C-alpha atoms as a PDB file:
ATOM      1  CA  UNK A   1     -78.003 -37.432  56.154  1.00  0.00           C
ATOM      2  CA  UNK A   2     -81.432 -37.258  55.054  1.00  0.00           C
ATOM      3  CA  UNK A   3     -83.047 -39.834  57.169  1.00  0.00           C
ATOM      4  CA  UNK A   4     -81.137 -38.625  60.275  1.00  0.00           C
ATOM      5  CA  UNK A   5     -82.379 -34.359  59.747  1.00  0.00           C
ATOM      6  CA  UNK A   6     -86.115 -36.088  58.939  1.00  0.00           C
ATOM      7  CA  UNK A   7     -86.148 -38.110  62.353  1.00  0.00           C
ATOM      8  CA  UNK A   8     -84.898 -34.624  64.033  1.00  0.00           C
ATOM      9  CA  UNK A   9     -87.204 -32.317  62.391  1.00  0.00           C
ATOM     10  CA  UNK A  10     -90.069 -34.900  63.511  1.00  0.00           C
ATOM     11  CA  UNK A  11     -89.224 -34.860  67.339  1.00  0.00           C
ATOM     12  CA  UNK A  12     -88.773 -31.034  66.515  1.00  0.00           C
ATOM     13  CA  UNK A  13     -91.500 -30.032  65.120  1.00  0.00           C
ATOM     14  CA  UNK A  14     -94.067 -32.503  67.727  1.00  0.00           C
ATOM     15  CA  UNK A  15     -92.484 -31.040  70.847  1.00  0.00           C
ATOM     16  CA  UNK A  16     -90.804 -34.641  71.989  1.00  0.00           C
ATOM     17  CA  UNK A  17     -87.377 -33.051  72.459  1.00  0.00           C
ATOM     18  CA  UNK A  18     -87.322 -30.821  75.707  1.00  0.00           C
ATOM     19  CA  UNK A  19     -85.568 -28.581  77.013  1.00  0.00           C
ATOM     20  CA  UNK A  20     -82.711 -29.038  75.074  1.00  0.00           C
ATOM     21  CA  UNK A  21     -80.412 -29.448  78.012  1.00  0.00           C
ATOM     22  CA  UNK A  22     -78.669 -32.570  76.181  1.00  0.00           C
ATOM     23  CA  UNK A  23     -75.536 -30.478  74.302  1.00  0.00           C
ATOM     24  CA  UNK A  24     -75.992 -33.110  71.158  1.00  0.00           C
ATOM     25  CA  UNK A  25     -79.198 -32.193  71.021  1.00  0.00           C
ATOM     26  CA  UNK A  26     -78.555 -28.546  71.675  1.00  0.00           C
ATOM     27  CA  UNK A  27     -75.889 -28.798  68.810  1.00  0.00           C
ATOM     28  CA  UNK A  28     -78.287 -30.599  66.311  1.00  0.00           C
ATOM     29  CA  UNK A  29     -81.223 -27.617  66.686  1.00  0.00           C
ATOM     30  CA  UNK A  30     -78.578 -24.737  66.662  1.00  0.00           C
ATOM     31  CA  UNK A  31     -77.326 -26.850  63.283  1.00  0.00           C
ATOM     32  CA  UNK A  32     -80.987 -26.684  61.846  1.00  0.00           C
ATOM     33  CA  UNK A  33     -81.730 -23.045  62.932  1.00  0.00           C
ATOM     34  CA  UNK A  34     -78.767 -21.642  61.394  1.00  0.00           C
ATOM     35  CA  UNK A  35     -79.800 -23.503  57.939  1.00  0.00           C
ATOM     36  CA  UNK A  36     -76.592 -25.600  58.443  1.00  0.00           C
ATOM     37  CA  UNK A  37     -74.034 -23.311  59.332  1.00  0.00           C
ATOM     38  CA  UNK A  38     -71.219 -24.582  61.439  1.00  0.00           C
ATOM     39  CA  UNK A  39     -69.648 -21.201  61.891  1.00  0.00           C
ATOM     40  CA  UNK A  40     -73.205 -19.745  63.320  1.00  0.00           C
ATOM     41  CA  UNK A  41     -73.466 -22.759  65.532  1.00  0.00           C
ATOM     42  CA  UNK A  42     -70.047 -22.136  66.855  1.00  0.00           C
ATOM     43  CA  UNK A  43     -70.848 -18.657  67.955  1.00  0.00           C
ATOM     44  CA  UNK A  44     -73.766 -18.925  69.571  1.00  0.00           C
ATOM     45  CA  UNK A  45     -71.978 -22.027  71.434  1.00  0.00           C
ATOM     46  CA  UNK A  46     -68.833 -21.157  71.800  1.00  0.00           C
ATOM     47  CA  UNK A  47     -68.018 -24.695  71.096  1.00  0.00           C
ATOM     48  CA  UNK A  48     -65.418 -25.343  68.307  1.00  0.00           C
ATOM     49  CA  UNK A  49     -66.312 -25.906  64.590  1.00  0.00           C
ATOM     50  CA  UNK A  50     -64.065 -28.918  65.127  1.00  0.00           C
ATOM     51  CA  UNK A  51     -66.495 -29.939  68.131  1.00  0.00           C
ATOM     52  CA  UNK A  52     -69.504 -29.720  66.277  1.00  0.00           C
ATOM     53  CA  UNK A  53     -68.581 -31.653  63.111  1.00  0.00           C
ATOM     54  CA  UNK A  54     -67.485 -34.255  65.584  1.00  0.00           C
ATOM     55  CA  UNK A  55     -71.588 -33.905  67.551  1.00  0.00           C
ATOM     56  CA  UNK A  56     -72.832 -34.117  64.035  1.00  0.00           C
ATOM     57  CA  UNK A  57     -70.441 -37.139  63.060  1.00  0.00           C
ATOM     58  CA  UNK A  58     -72.267 -39.101  65.597  1.00  0.00           C
ATOM     59  CA  UNK A  59     -75.477 -38.707  64.354  1.00  0.00           C
ATOM     60  CA  UNK A  60     -74.189 -39.358  60.265  1.00  0.00           C
ATOM     61  CA  UNK A  61     -74.579 -36.068  59.669  1.00  0.00           C
ATOM     62  CA  UNK A  62     -71.645 -34.321  57.417  1.00  0.00           C
ATOM     63  CA  UNK A  63     -70.550 -30.942  57.412  1.00  0.00           C
ATOM     64  CA  UNK A  64     -71.170 -29.071  53.793  1.00  0.00           C
ATOM     65  CA  UNK A  65     -66.863 -28.135  54.320  1.00  0.00           C
ATOM     66  CA  UNK A  66     -67.887 -25.878  51.087  1.00  0.00           C
ATOM     67  CA  UNK A  67     -70.378 -23.197  52.921  1.00  0.00           C
ATOM     68  CA  UNK A  68     -67.536 -23.579  55.613  1.00  0.00           C
ATOM     69  CA  UNK A  69     -64.827 -22.415  53.121  1.00  0.00           C
ATOM     70  CA  UNK A  70     -66.987 -19.957  51.545  1.00  0.00           C
ATOM     71  CA  UNK A  71     -68.499 -18.473  54.900  1.00  0.00           C
ATOM     72  CA  UNK A  72     -64.758 -16.878  55.576  1.00  0.00           C
ATOM     73  CA  UNK A  73     -65.661 -14.232  52.859  1.00  0.00           C
ATOM     74  CA  UNK A  74     -68.767 -12.879  54.615  1.00  0.00           C
ATOM     75  CA  UNK A  75     -67.323 -13.136  57.747  1.00  0.00           C
ATOM     76  CA  UNK A  76     -63.929 -10.869  57.124  1.00  0.00           C
ATOM     77  CA  UNK A  77     -65.788  -7.809  55.103  1.00  0.00           C
ATOM     78  CA  UNK A  78     -65.360  -5.443  57.866  1.00  0.00           C
ATOM     79  CA  UNK A  79     -61.777  -6.205  57.570  1.00  0.00           C
ATOM     80  CA  UNK A  80     -59.260  -3.540  55.713  1.00  0.00           C
ATOM     81  CA  UNK A  81     -58.774  -4.781  52.127  1.00  0.00           C
ATOM     82  CA  UNK A  82     -60.829  -8.532  52.904  1.00  0.00           C
ATOM     83  CA  UNK A  83     -63.990  -6.628  51.159  1.00  0.00           C
ATOM     84  CA  UNK A  84     -61.913  -6.623  48.084  1.00  0.00           C
ATOM     85  CA  UNK A  85     -61.204 -10.408  48.402  1.00  0.00           C
ATOM     86  CA  UNK A  86     -64.620 -11.400  48.882  1.00  0.00           C
ATOM     87  CA  UNK A  87     -65.497  -9.797  46.036  1.00  0.00           C
ATOM     88  CA  UNK A  88     -62.774 -11.011  43.800  1.00  0.00           C
ATOM     89  CA  UNK A  89     -63.884 -14.645  44.815  1.00  0.00           C
ATOM     90  CA  UNK A  90     -67.549 -13.816  43.660  1.00  0.00           C
ATOM     91  CA  UNK A  91     -65.976 -12.909  40.041  1.00  0.00           C
ATOM     92  CA  UNK A  92     -63.656 -15.662  39.739  1.00  0.00           C
ATOM     93  CA  UNK A  93     -65.406 -18.253  41.589  1.00  0.00           C
ATOM     94  CA  UNK A  94     -62.672 -20.999  40.435  1.00  0.00           C
ATOM     95  CA  UNK A  95     -60.049 -18.813  42.034  1.00  0.00           C
ATOM     96  CA  UNK A  96     -58.058 -20.662  44.875  1.00  0.00           C
ATOM     97  CA  UNK A  97     -57.602 -19.033  47.628  1.00  0.00           C
ATOM     98  CA  UNK A  98     -53.805 -19.225  49.082  1.00  0.00           C
ATOM     99  CA  UNK A  99     -54.522 -18.603  52.688  1.00  0.00           C
ATOM    100  CA  UNK A 100     -56.593 -21.684  52.487  1.00  0.00           C
ATOM    101  CA  UNK A 101     -54.122 -23.782  50.001  1.00  0.00           C
ATOM    102  CA  UNK A 102     -51.397 -22.866  51.600  1.00  0.00           C
ATOM    103  CA  UNK A 103     -50.958 -20.701  54.818  1.00  0.00           C
ATOM    104  CA  UNK A 104     -53.677 -18.554  56.593  1.00  0.00           C
ATOM    105  CA  UNK A 105     -51.984 -15.058  56.073  1.00  0.00           C
ATOM    106  CA  UNK A 106     -50.157 -15.938  53.105  1.00  0.00           C
ATOM    107  CA  UNK A 107     -48.678 -12.069  52.197  1.00  0.00           C
ATOM    108  CA  UNK A 108     -47.305 -12.750  48.976  1.00  0.00           C
ATOM    109  CA  UNK A 109     -50.525 -13.412  47.335  1.00  0.00           C
ATOM    110  CA  UNK A 110     -54.321 -13.877  47.728  1.00  0.00           C
ATOM    111  CA  UNK A 111     -55.251 -16.823  45.262  1.00  0.00           C
ATOM    112  CA  UNK A 112     -54.571 -18.577  42.914  1.00  0.00           C
ATOM    113  CA  UNK A 113     -55.965 -19.476  39.231  1.00  0.00           C
ATOM    114  CA  UNK A 114     -55.525 -21.598  36.410  1.00  0.00           C
ATOM    115  CA  UNK A 115     -55.664 -20.497  33.190  1.00  0.00           C
ATOM    116  CA  UNK A 116     -57.372 -23.012  30.516  1.00  0.00           C
ATOM    117  CA  UNK A 117     -56.239 -20.556  27.569  1.00  0.00           C
ATOM    118  CA  UNK A 118     -52.956 -20.604  28.680  1.00  0.00           C
ATOM    119  CA  UNK A 119     -52.656 -23.724  30.568  1.00  0.00           C
ATOM    120  CA  UNK A 120     -50.791 -21.755  33.176  1.00  0.00           C
ATOM    121  CA  UNK A 121     -51.371 -20.796  36.986  1.00  0.00           C
ATOM    122  CA  UNK A 122     -51.056 -17.424  37.920  1.00  0.00           C
ATOM    123  CA  UNK A 123     -50.844 -16.401  41.843  1.00  0.00           C
ATOM    124  CA  UNK A 124     -52.804 -12.898  42.317  1.00  0.00           C
ATOM    125  CA  UNK A 125     -52.619 -10.515  45.023  1.00  0.00           C
ATOM    126  CA  UNK A 126     -56.027  -8.684  45.613  1.00  0.00           C
ATOM    127  CA  UNK A 127     -55.870  -4.658  46.953  1.00  0.00           C
ATOM    128  CA  UNK A 128     -58.862  -2.267  47.808  1.00  0.00           C
ATOM    129  CA  UNK A 129     -57.895   1.458  47.931  1.00  0.00           C
ATOM    130  CA  UNK A 130     -59.608   4.737  48.919  1.00  0.00           C
ATOM    131  CA  UNK A 131     -58.942   7.574  46.905  1.00  0.00           C
ATOM    132  CA  UNK A 132     -57.160  10.154  48.824  1.00  0.00           C
ATOM    133  CA  UNK A 133     -54.942  13.595  48.627  1.00  0.00           C
ATOM    134  CA  UNK A 134     -51.639  13.423  48.437  1.00  0.00           C
ATOM    135  CA  UNK A 135     -48.646  15.761  47.505  1.00  0.00           C
ATOM    136  CA  UNK A 136     -48.510  14.280  43.219  1.00  0.00           C
ATOM    137  CA  UNK A 137     -52.801  15.510  43.876  1.00  0.00           C
ATOM    138  CA  UNK A 138     -55.792  12.974  43.728  1.00  0.00           C
ATOM    139  CA  UNK A 139     -54.934   9.194  43.559  1.00  0.00           C
ATOM    140  CA  UNK A 140     -54.363   5.927  45.530  1.00  0.00           C
ATOM    141  CA  UNK A 141     -50.907   4.622  47.128  1.00  0.00           C
ATOM    142  CA  UNK A 142     -50.195   1.424  46.423  1.00  0.00           C
ATOM    143  CA  UNK A 143     -46.899  -0.294  48.245  1.00  0.00           C
ATOM    144  CA  UNK A 144     -45.432  -3.700  46.949  1.00  0.00           C
ATOM    145  CA  UNK A 145     -42.775  -5.763  47.176  1.00  0.00           C
ATOM    146  CA  UNK A 146     -39.462  -4.542  45.490  1.00  0.00           C
ATOM    147  CA  UNK A 147     -38.027  -7.294  44.752  1.00  0.00           C
ATOM    148  CA  UNK A 148     -39.063  -9.113  41.783  1.00  0.00           C
ATOM    149  CA  UNK A 149     -39.571 -12.725  43.653  1.00  0.00           C
ATOM    150  CA  UNK A 150     -41.659 -11.300  46.555  1.00  0.00           C
ATOM    151  CA  UNK A 151     -44.493 -10.479  44.277  1.00  0.00           C
ATOM    152  CA  UNK A 152     -47.877 -12.283  43.201  1.00  0.00           C
ATOM    153  CA  UNK A 153     -47.995 -12.711  39.212  1.00  0.00           C
ATOM    154  CA  UNK A 154     -51.040  -9.852  39.167  1.00  0.00           C
ATOM    155  CA  UNK A 155     -51.963  -6.961  41.337  1.00  0.00           C
ATOM    156  CA  UNK A 156     -55.590  -6.559  40.556  1.00  0.00           C
ATOM    157  CA  UNK A 157     -56.460  -3.202  42.557  1.00  0.00           C
ATOM    158  CA  UNK A 158     -60.109  -1.968  43.478  1.00  0.00           C
ATOM    159  CA  UNK A 159     -59.812   1.504  43.399  1.00  0.00           C
ATOM    160  CA  UNK A 160     -62.756   3.529  45.195  1.00  0.00           C
ATOM    161  CA  UNK A 161     -63.541   7.079  44.771  1.00  0.00           C
ATOM    162  CA  UNK A 162     -65.979   7.272  47.779  1.00  0.00           C
ATOM    163  CA  UNK A 163     -63.912   6.648  51.514  1.00  0.00           C
ATOM    164  CA  UNK A 164     -67.040   5.421  53.010  1.00  0.00           C
ATOM    165  CA  UNK A 165     -68.727   3.755  50.742  1.00  0.00           C
ATOM    166  CA  UNK A 166     -65.812   1.874  49.361  1.00  0.00           C
ATOM    167  CA  UNK A 167     -66.880  -1.015  47.218  1.00  0.00           C
ATOM    168  CA  UNK A 168     -70.130  -0.393  47.818  1.00  0.00           C
ATOM    169  CA  UNK A 169     -69.728   3.317  45.701  1.00  0.00           C
ATOM    170  CA  UNK A 170     -67.640   4.019  42.459  1.00  0.00           C
ATOM    171  CA  UNK A 171     -65.029   2.191  41.863  1.00  0.00           C
ATOM    172  CA  UNK A 172     -62.425   0.855  38.862  1.00  0.00           C
ATOM    173  CA  UNK A 173     -60.324  -1.988  38.410  1.00  0.00           C
ATOM    174  CA  UNK A 174     -57.023  -2.023  37.527  1.00  0.00           C
ATOM    175  CA  UNK A 175     -55.210  -5.838  36.899  1.00  0.00           C
ATOM    176  CA  UNK A 176     -50.950  -5.243  36.968  1.00  0.00           C
ATOM    177  CA  UNK A 177     -48.382  -7.758  35.654  1.00  0.00           C
ATOM    178  CA  UNK A 178     -45.580  -7.738  38.288  1.00  0.00           C
ATOM    179  CA  UNK A 179     -43.186  -6.966  35.555  1.00  0.00           C
ATOM    180  CA  UNK A 180     -44.598  -3.363  34.837  1.00  0.00           C
ATOM    181  CA  UNK A 181     -44.134  -2.232  38.630  1.00  0.00           C
ATOM    182  CA  UNK A 182     -40.750  -0.543  39.013  1.00  0.00           C
ATOM    183  CA  UNK A 183     -38.298  -2.444  40.456  1.00  0.00           C
ATOM    184  CA  UNK A 184     -35.012  -1.434  42.622  1.00  0.00           C
ATOM    185  CA  UNK A 185     -31.410  -2.689  42.527  1.00  0.00           C
ATOM    186  CA  UNK A 186     -31.152  -2.003  45.809  1.00  0.00           C
ATOM    187  CA  UNK A 187     -34.006  -3.243  48.650  1.00  0.00           C
ATOM    188  CA  UNK A 188     -34.831  -1.132  51.049  1.00  0.00           C
ATOM    189  CA  UNK A 189     -35.413  -1.636  55.265  1.00  0.00           C
ATOM    190  CA  UNK A 190     -39.199  -2.608  54.707  1.00  0.00           C
ATOM    191  CA  UNK A 191     -38.621  -3.993  51.612  1.00  0.00           C
ATOM    192  CA  UNK A 192     -41.940  -1.937  50.086  1.00  0.00           C
ATOM    193  CA  UNK A 193     -42.081   0.230  47.172  1.00  0.00           C
ATOM    194  CA  UNK A 194     -44.389   2.630  47.073  1.00  0.00           C
ATOM    195  CA  UNK A 195     -46.605   3.853  44.282  1.00  0.00           C
ATOM    196  CA  UNK A 196     -49.003   6.756  43.213  1.00  0.00           C
ATOM    197  CA  UNK A 197     -51.757   5.876  40.618  1.00  0.00           C
ATOM    198  CA  UNK A 198     -52.969   9.484  39.944  1.00  0.00           C
ATOM    199  CA  UNK A 199     -56.519   9.885  39.026  1.00  0.00           C
ATOM    200  CA  UNK A 200     -55.683  12.959  36.838  1.00  0.00           C
ATOM    201  CA  UNK A 201     -55.854  11.306  32.844  1.00  0.00           C
ATOM    202  CA  UNK A 202     -53.155  13.974  32.413  1.00  0.00           C
ATOM    203  CA  UNK A 203     -50.395  12.653  34.719  1.00  0.00           C
ATOM    204  CA  UNK A 204     -47.936  10.041  33.491  1.00  0.00           C
ATOM    205  CA  UNK A 205     -48.981   7.692  36.116  1.00  0.00           C
ATOM    206  CA  UNK A 206     -52.502   7.709  35.124  1.00  0.00           C
ATOM    207  CA  UNK A 207     -51.507   7.122  31.306  1.00  0.00           C
ATOM    208  CA  UNK A 208     -49.150   4.226  32.613  1.00  0.00           C
ATOM    209  CA  UNK A 209     -51.287   2.387  34.576  1.00  0.00           C
ATOM    210  CA  UNK A 210     -55.168   2.642  33.601  1.00  0.00           C
ATOM    211  CA  UNK A 211     -54.076   1.217  30.638  1.00  0.00           C
ATOM    212  CA  UNK A 212     -54.704  -2.225  32.431  1.00  0.00           C
ATOM    213  CA  UNK A 213     -58.263  -1.599  33.247  1.00  0.00           C
ATOM    214  CA  UNK A 214     -60.285  -4.160  33.110  1.00  0.00           C
ATOM    215  CA  UNK A 215     -64.379  -4.638  33.686  1.00  0.00           C
ATOM    216  CA  UNK A 216     -65.399  -6.736  37.079  1.00  0.00           C
ATOM    217  CA  UNK A 217     -66.631  -9.087  34.514  1.00  0.00           C
ATOM    218  CA  UNK A 218     -63.738  -9.560  32.283  1.00  0.00           C
ATOM    219  CA  UNK A 219     -62.266 -10.473  35.270  1.00  0.00           C
ATOM    220  CA  UNK A 220     -63.173 -14.359  34.727  1.00  0.00           C
ATOM    221  CA  UNK A 221     -61.897 -14.317  31.803  1.00  0.00           C
ATOM    222  CA  UNK A 222     -58.762 -12.678  31.834  1.00  0.00           C
ATOM    223  CA  UNK A 223     -57.785 -15.185  34.570  1.00  0.00           C
ATOM    224  CA  UNK A 224     -59.387 -18.411  33.848  1.00  0.00           C
ATOM    225  CA  UNK A 225     -60.699 -18.441  29.962  1.00  0.00           C
ATOM    226  CA  UNK A 226     -63.821 -18.731  30.409  1.00  0.00           C
ATOM    227  CA  UNK A 227     -66.011 -16.712  28.277  1.00  0.00           C
END
């Protein structure tokens, strides 16, 4: 791997490769230009990541697949709710992405963690909400599955106070076990239940759910047992 890149660097720096008409040389050049990023090389060429990895394989260059996996979080930041997933992954690095481990778009939960302290595996669904005005006052509206079997083990809620800044502004974090959330005996057509978590300390929903507040830096301890 290193030998192939050293040869390429030498040829490139000494202008021994002209024009970059050859697709293979073009791919190598972009791969190096973007610090070995398959995603960026794919974006610029229009080729798939698999096609680029195949070309690199010819030159005995093994892509950094870990970097490809992690790039998911930098590319999804503009999608609603995804910034919270990226932040959670940063705070709990050992959390396994369920979209990778199970299937893309897994609706039941976002992450799987193994808690060294309890010896148990846990599923986690991560949500991000901006504060809003509601009939019951200001708060955060959270929707979750009515059936207990359809829920993640835990819901990590990033509650943002600024609609524009979102997670770049002030926020608080709640970790809600699935059992603390109300359950309907009869499932509705949507299968979803709506819950308003109030921002008013005098309200019952605030008193109930803010008991489960946690500092962001303690998420890794709670879910993995690591100090």
